[in-house]
């Protein structure tokens, strides 16, 4: 016979106050169901916790998603409306580069790279 044990260790989303779920639309359905249940209930009742409930200190979750595009090399589907209602705020934005706003893209790069290199990005040529 084979013995299978399940052990849950505190960490990750179980102990985080802020959670970033990057590219949530690519998550498998089973994982997405668990994540969304954790977001909604703010408690964990896993198989290795016995009858104990762990309260999550989670205050905020931020999820990102790429737009669904059948022609893209990345397969993404839009999130189901039942999943979207777990989030209070939804923002949709076009990227500065994909929209051809090169000056804005350069300002964003400068903003986030300040102090990171000796040569600022604004001196670089932006290819169009």
Foldseek 3Di string as FASTA:
>chain_A
DDDDDDDDDDDDQQEDQEEEAEALQPDDPVVLVVVLVCLVPQWDDDPHVPRDIRHGNHNYYHYDHDDQDPPDPDHGDDDDVVSVVSDPDDDDDDDCVVVVVVVVVLVVQQVVCPPVDPDRSVPPDDDD
